[in-house]
Amino acid sequence: MNLRKLIAWKDLFSYRQKVALLVIGGTVVGLGLLFAYMLRMHTYIIGDDPAACVNCHIMSPYYATWSHSSHGRDATCNDCHVPHQNLFMKYLFKGKDGMKHVAYFVTHSEHQAINAEDASAQVIMDNCIRCHTQLNQEFVKTGRINYMMAKRGEGKACWDCHREVPHGGVNSLSSTPYAETQVPLPSSPVPEWLQRMVPSSKIR
């Protein structure tokens, strides 16, 4: 029975159709891999290097202010901005958040001054409490309040008091005018021969 099904499936497409499907499938996979490479997706998903966050130039002020803060010595972007309950949650959140950032960037709908959405804010506050457990739970006892409680008015979020940590003063790109000269911006993934064919103003 299985052999008959296999033969029937084999005869379902003609030789030309199989070649066409193979070419289309290869093109889709190839373009997908090229898209991932152009976005430097591997640097964002695999590692914890903060320099991966400035693949997008709009993150330059946030990288610059972080690198000059006390957190710049002891914490990476992922220490604060992704969950740490387990590896599955960490990479699921990174994937979802990363694709959302890509969508904003590709459609030019990112805000000049970025504010954390609820899902991100909850992760950030959980990480504040995780790293400062003794301070939060023994000394000032704020660690028993999570972000959703703070949003309902049952307490304060960490940044209600510590607004300048660790991206102090970033309320617009103009507030950090030299940020792009202070961060390790990646080189363009566009090959030199293609850059010569296209005016430089059109390549970012």
Protein backbone atom coordinates (compact mmCIF):
# COMPACT_ATOMS: atom_id res chain seq x y z
CA MET A 1 0.00 0.00 0.00
CA ASN A 2 2.80 2.39 0.92
CA LEU A 3 4.61 1.52 -2.31
CA ARG A 4 1.48 2.37 -4.33
CA LYS A 5 1.18 5.72 -2.56
CA LEU A 6 4.85 6.43 -3.26
CA ILE A 7 4.44 5.60 -6.96
CA ALA A 8 1.27 7.70 -7.16
CA TRP A 9 3.07 10.68 -5.52
CA LYS A 10 6.05 10.24 -7.84
CA ASP A 11 3.78 10.39 -10.89
CA LEU A 12 1.81 13.37 -9.59
CA PHE A 13 4.15 15.93 -11.21
CA SER A 14 5.77 15.88 -14.63
CA TYR A 15 9.52 16.30 -15.03
CA ARG A 16 9.14 19.98 -15.97
CA GLN A 17 6.89 20.65 -12.99
CA LYS A 18 9.42 19.05 -10.66
CA VAL A 19 12.22 21.19 -12.09
CA ALA A 20 10.06 24.31 -11.81
CA LEU A 21 9.17 23.51 -8.19
CA LEU A 22 12.83 22.86 -7.40
CA VAL A 23 13.89 26.19 -8.95
CA ILE A 24 11.13 28.11 -7.15
CA GLY A 25 11.90 26.40 -3.84
CA GLY A 26 15.62 27.08 -4.23
CA THR A 27 14.96 30.73 -5.08
CA VAL A 28 12.72 31.21 -2.03
CA VAL A 29 15.24 29.54 0.30
CA GLY A 30 18.13 31.47 -1.25
CA LEU A 31 16.38 34.83 -0.93
CA GLY A 32 15.41 33.98 2.65
CA LEU A 33 19.04 33.20 3.53
CA LEU A 34 20.22 36.38 1.76
CA PHE A 35 17.62 38.41 3.68
CA ALA A 36 18.79 36.88 6.99
CA TYR A 37 22.43 37.63 6.09
CA MET A 38 21.70 41.23 5.08
CA LEU A 39 19.94 41.75 8.42
CA ARG A 40 22.86 40.05 10.24
CA MET A 41 20.27 37.86 11.92
CA HIS A 42 22.95 35.39 13.05
CA THR A 43 24.66 38.06 15.19
CA TYR A 44 21.38 38.97 16.84
CA ILE A 45 20.05 35.47 17.52
CA ILE A 46 23.15 33.43 18.35
CA GLY A 47 25.29 35.71 20.51
CA ASP A 48 25.04 38.22 23.34
CA ASP A 49 27.35 40.85 21.85
CA PRO A 50 25.78 44.32 22.38
CA ALA A 51 27.35 45.45 19.10
CA ALA A 52 24.71 43.32 17.32
CA CYS A 53 22.07 45.77 18.52
CA VAL A 54 23.56 48.59 16.44
CA ASN A 55 23.00 46.66 13.22
CA CYS A 56 20.15 49.16 13.03
CA HIS A 57 21.46 52.75 13.20
CA ILE A 58 18.52 53.96 15.27
CA MET A 59 19.94 52.00 18.22
CA SER A 60 23.16 54.06 18.23
CA PRO A 61 22.11 56.48 21.04
CA TYR A 62 21.00 53.56 23.20
CA TYR A 63 24.28 51.73 22.68
CA ALA A 64 26.32 54.87 23.34
CA THR A 65 24.51 55.75 26.56
CA TRP A 66 24.59 52.13 27.80
CA SER A 67 28.32 51.82 27.12
CA HIS A 68 29.02 54.90 29.28
CA SER A 69 26.75 53.80 32.14
CA SER A 70 27.46 51.62 35.18
CA HIS A 71 25.54 48.81 33.44
CA GLY A 72 27.98 48.98 30.53
CA ARG A 73 30.61 47.36 32.75
CA ASP A 74 28.50 44.47 34.03
CA ALA A 75 25.49 43.83 31.80
CA THR A 76 24.84 43.24 28.12
CA CYS A 77 21.65 44.19 26.26
CA ASN A 78 20.36 40.63 26.60
CA ASP A 79 20.89 40.62 30.36
CA CYS A 80 18.13 43.24 30.59
CA HIS A 81 16.01 42.82 27.47
CA VAL A 82 15.32 39.08 27.18
CA PRO A 83 13.79 36.64 29.69
CA HIS A 84 16.09 34.25 31.57
CA GLN A 85 13.71 31.61 32.93
CA ASN A 86 15.03 29.05 30.41
CA LEU A 87 16.67 28.85 26.97
CA PHE A 88 13.37 28.22 25.18
CA MET A 89 11.79 31.40 26.56
CA LYS A 90 14.96 33.39 25.86
CA TYR A 91 15.20 32.44 22.19
CA LEU A 92 11.45 32.55 21.58
CA PHE A 93 11.37 36.12 22.88
CA LYS A 94 14.50 37.08 20.92
CA GLY A 95 12.97 35.68 17.72
CA LYS A 96 9.60 37.41 18.18
CA ASP A 97 11.14 40.70 19.26
CA GLY A 98 13.73 40.60 16.49
CA MET A 99 11.15 40.02 13.75
CA LYS A 100 9.03 42.84 15.16
CA HIS A 101 12.05 45.16 15.00
CA VAL A 102 12.74 44.05 11.42
CA ALA A 103 9.12 44.83 10.46
CA TYR A 104 9.36 48.29 12.02
CA PHE A 105 12.66 49.00 10.29
CA VAL A 106 11.67 47.69 6.85
CA THR A 107 8.40 49.66 6.89
CA HIS A 108 10.12 52.77 8.32
CA SER A 109 7.63 52.85 11.20
CA GLU A 110 10.12 52.90 14.09
CA HIS A 111 9.84 55.85 16.48
CA GLN A 112 12.70 58.30 16.84
CA ALA A 113 12.64 57.81 20.61
CA ILE A 114 11.97 54.16 21.38
CA ASN A 115 9.78 53.18 24.32
CA ALA A 116 9.43 49.59 25.55
CA GLU A 117 6.09 47.94 24.83
CA ASP A 118 4.33 46.04 27.61
CA ALA A 119 5.90 42.63 26.86
CA SER A 120 9.40 44.15 26.80
CA ALA A 121 8.76 46.31 29.87
CA GLN A 122 7.69 43.26 31.84
CA VAL A 123 10.88 41.40 30.87
CA ILE A 124 13.06 44.41 31.73
CA MET A 125 11.50 44.84 35.17
CA ASP A 126 11.77 41.09 35.87
CA ASN A 127 15.48 41.36 35.06
CA CYS A 128 15.93 44.43 37.27
CA ILE A 129 14.53 42.39 40.15
CA ARG A 130 16.53 39.28 39.18
CA CYS A 131 19.85 41.14 39.27
CA HIS A 132 19.08 43.29 42.30
CA THR A 133 17.30 40.65 44.38
CA GLN A 134 18.85 41.51 47.74
CA LEU A 135 18.25 45.24 47.30
CA ASN A 136 14.66 44.70 46.11
CA GLN A 137 13.56 42.02 48.53
CA GLU A 138 15.54 42.63 51.72
CA PHE A 139 16.26 46.36 51.84
CA VAL A 140 13.47 48.29 50.08
CA LYS A 141 11.11 45.39 49.33
CA THR A 142 10.15 46.60 45.85
CA GLY A 143 10.96 43.23 44.28
CA ARG A 144 7.56 41.90 45.24
CA ILE A 145 5.94 44.24 42.72
CA ASN A 146 5.95 43.16 39.08
CA TYR A 147 5.37 45.31 36.01
CA MET A 148 1.68 44.50 35.61
CA MET A 149 1.05 45.44 39.25
CA ALA A 150 2.86 48.73 38.68
CA LYS A 151 0.81 49.36 35.56
CA ARG A 152 -2.39 48.86 37.59
CA GLY A 153 -1.17 51.46 40.08
CA GLU A 154 -0.27 48.98 42.82
CA GLY A 155 3.30 50.23 43.03
CA LYS A 156 6.02 51.74 40.89
CA ALA A 157 8.05 50.32 38.04
CA CYS A 158 11.82 50.41 38.59
CA TRP A 159 12.29 53.19 36.01
CA ASP A 160 9.72 55.45 37.64
CA CYS A 161 12.55 56.33 40.04
CA HIS A 162 15.61 55.22 38.05
CA ARG A 163 14.69 56.81 34.71
CA GLU A 164 18.29 57.58 33.74
CA VAL A 165 19.46 53.94 34.08
CA PRO A 166 21.10 52.82 31.83
CA HIS A 167 20.09 54.97 28.83
CA GLY A 168 20.16 58.33 30.55
CA GLY A 169 18.93 61.31 28.57
CA VAL A 170 17.86 59.48 25.43
CA ASN A 171 14.57 61.08 24.47
CA SER A 172 15.45 61.75 20.84
CA LEU A 173 18.28 61.22 18.38
CA SER A 174 19.15 64.91 18.69
CA SER A 175 19.92 64.45 22.40
CA THR A 176 22.93 62.29 21.49
CA PRO A 177 24.17 63.93 18.26
CA TYR A 178 27.55 62.13 18.17
CA ALA A 179 26.26 58.67 19.03
CA GLU A 180 27.01 57.19 15.61
CA THR A 181 30.69 58.14 15.97
CA GLN A 182 30.91 56.39 19.35
CA VAL A 183 29.51 52.98 18.47
CA PRO A 184 30.93 50.05 16.48
CA LEU A 185 28.64 50.38 13.47
CA PRO A 186 28.97 47.32 11.20
CA SER A 187 30.33 47.61 7.69
CA SER A 188 27.81 47.45 4.86
CA PRO A 189 26.88 43.91 3.76
CA VAL A 190 26.40 45.23 0.20
CA PRO A 191 29.31 44.05 -2.02
CA GLU A 192 31.64 46.78 -3.34
CA TRP A 193 30.78 46.05 -6.98
CA LEU A 194 27.10 46.64 -6.23
CA GLN A 195 27.87 49.81 -4.27
CA ARG A 196 29.64 51.19 -7.36
CA MET A 197 26.53 50.52 -9.47
CA VAL A 198 24.07 52.16 -7.06
CA PRO A 199 24.39 55.77 -5.82
CA SER A 200 25.71 55.79 -2.23
CA SER A 201 22.70 57.79 -1.02
CA LYS A 202 20.50 54.78 -1.77
CA ILE A 203 22.61 52.29 0.21
CA ARG A 204 22.28 52.38 3.98
